[in-house]
């Protein structure tokens, strides 16, 4: 897995689950 793919996955996860909701 490349760094770009990981960053994309994290970005997608953040879009689906906003930090405000998680906190």
N, C-alpha and C. Protein backbone atom coordinates (compact mmCIF):
# COMPACT_ATOMS: atom_id res chain seq x y z
N UNK A 1 0.85 -1.21 0.00
CA UNK A 1 0.00 0.00 0.00
C UNK A 1 0.88 1.25 0.00
N UNK A 2 0.63 2.13 -0.95
CA UNK A 2 1.43 3.35 -1.03
C UNK A 2 0.90 4.40 -0.08
N UNK A 3 1.73 5.39 0.22
CA UNK A 3 1.31 6.45 1.15
C UNK A 3 0.10 7.19 0.61
N UNK A 4 0.06 7.38 -0.70
CA UNK A 4 -1.06 8.11 -1.31
C UNK A 4 -2.37 7.36 -1.07
N UNK A 5 -2.30 6.04 -1.21
CA UNK A 5 -3.50 5.22 -1.00
C UNK A 5 -3.96 5.31 0.44
N UNK A 6 -3.02 5.27 1.37
CA UNK A 6 -3.36 5.35 2.79
C UNK A 6 -3.99 6.70 3.09
N UNK A 7 -3.40 7.77 2.56
CA UNK A 7 -3.94 9.12 2.79
C UNK A 7 -5.36 9.20 2.23
N UNK A 8 -5.57 8.61 1.06
CA UNK A 8 -6.90 8.64 0.44
C UNK A 8 -7.90 7.90 1.32
N UNK A 9 -7.49 6.75 1.85
CA UNK A 9 -8.38 5.96 2.70
C UNK A 9 -8.74 6.73 3.96
N UNK A 10 -7.74 7.39 4.56
CA UNK A 10 -7.99 8.17 5.78
C UNK A 10 -8.92 9.33 5.46
N UNK A 11 -8.69 9.99 4.35
CA UNK A 11 -9.56 11.12 3.95
C UNK A 11 -10.99 10.63 3.77
N UNK A 12 -11.15 9.49 3.11
CA UNK A 12 -12.49 8.94 2.87
C UNK A 12 -13.15 8.59 4.20
N UNK A 13 -12.39 8.00 5.10
CA UNK A 13 -12.94 7.61 6.41
C UNK A 13 -13.36 8.86 7.18
N UNK A 14 -12.55 9.91 7.10
CA UNK A 14 -12.87 11.15 7.81
C UNK A 14 -14.15 11.77 7.24
N UNK A 15 -14.32 11.66 5.93
CA UNK A 15 -15.52 12.23 5.29
C UNK A 15 -16.76 11.46 5.74
N UNK A 16 -16.63 10.15 5.89
CA UNK A 16 -17.78 9.33 6.30
C UNK A 16 -18.06 9.47 7.79
N UNK A 17 -16.99 9.58 8.58
CA UNK A 17 -17.16 9.70 10.03
C UNK A 17 -16.44 10.95 10.52
N UNK A 18 -17.11 12.08 10.53
CA UNK A 18 -16.49 13.34 10.98
C UNK A 18 -15.94 13.21 12.39
N UNK A 19 -14.83 13.89 12.65
CA UNK A 19 -14.21 13.83 13.98
C UNK A 19 -15.15 14.37 15.05
N UNK A 20 -15.94 15.37 14.69
CA UNK A 20 -16.87 15.96 15.66
C UNK A 20 -17.85 14.90 16.15
N UNK A 21 -18.22 13.99 15.25
CA UNK A 21 -19.16 12.93 15.65
C UNK A 21 -18.46 11.90 16.52
N UNK A 22 -17.22 11.57 16.16
CA UNK A 22 -16.47 10.55 16.90
C UNK A 22 -16.15 11.04 18.31
N UNK A 23 -15.81 12.33 18.41
CA UNK A 23 -15.45 12.87 19.73
C UNK A 23 -16.73 13.10 20.53
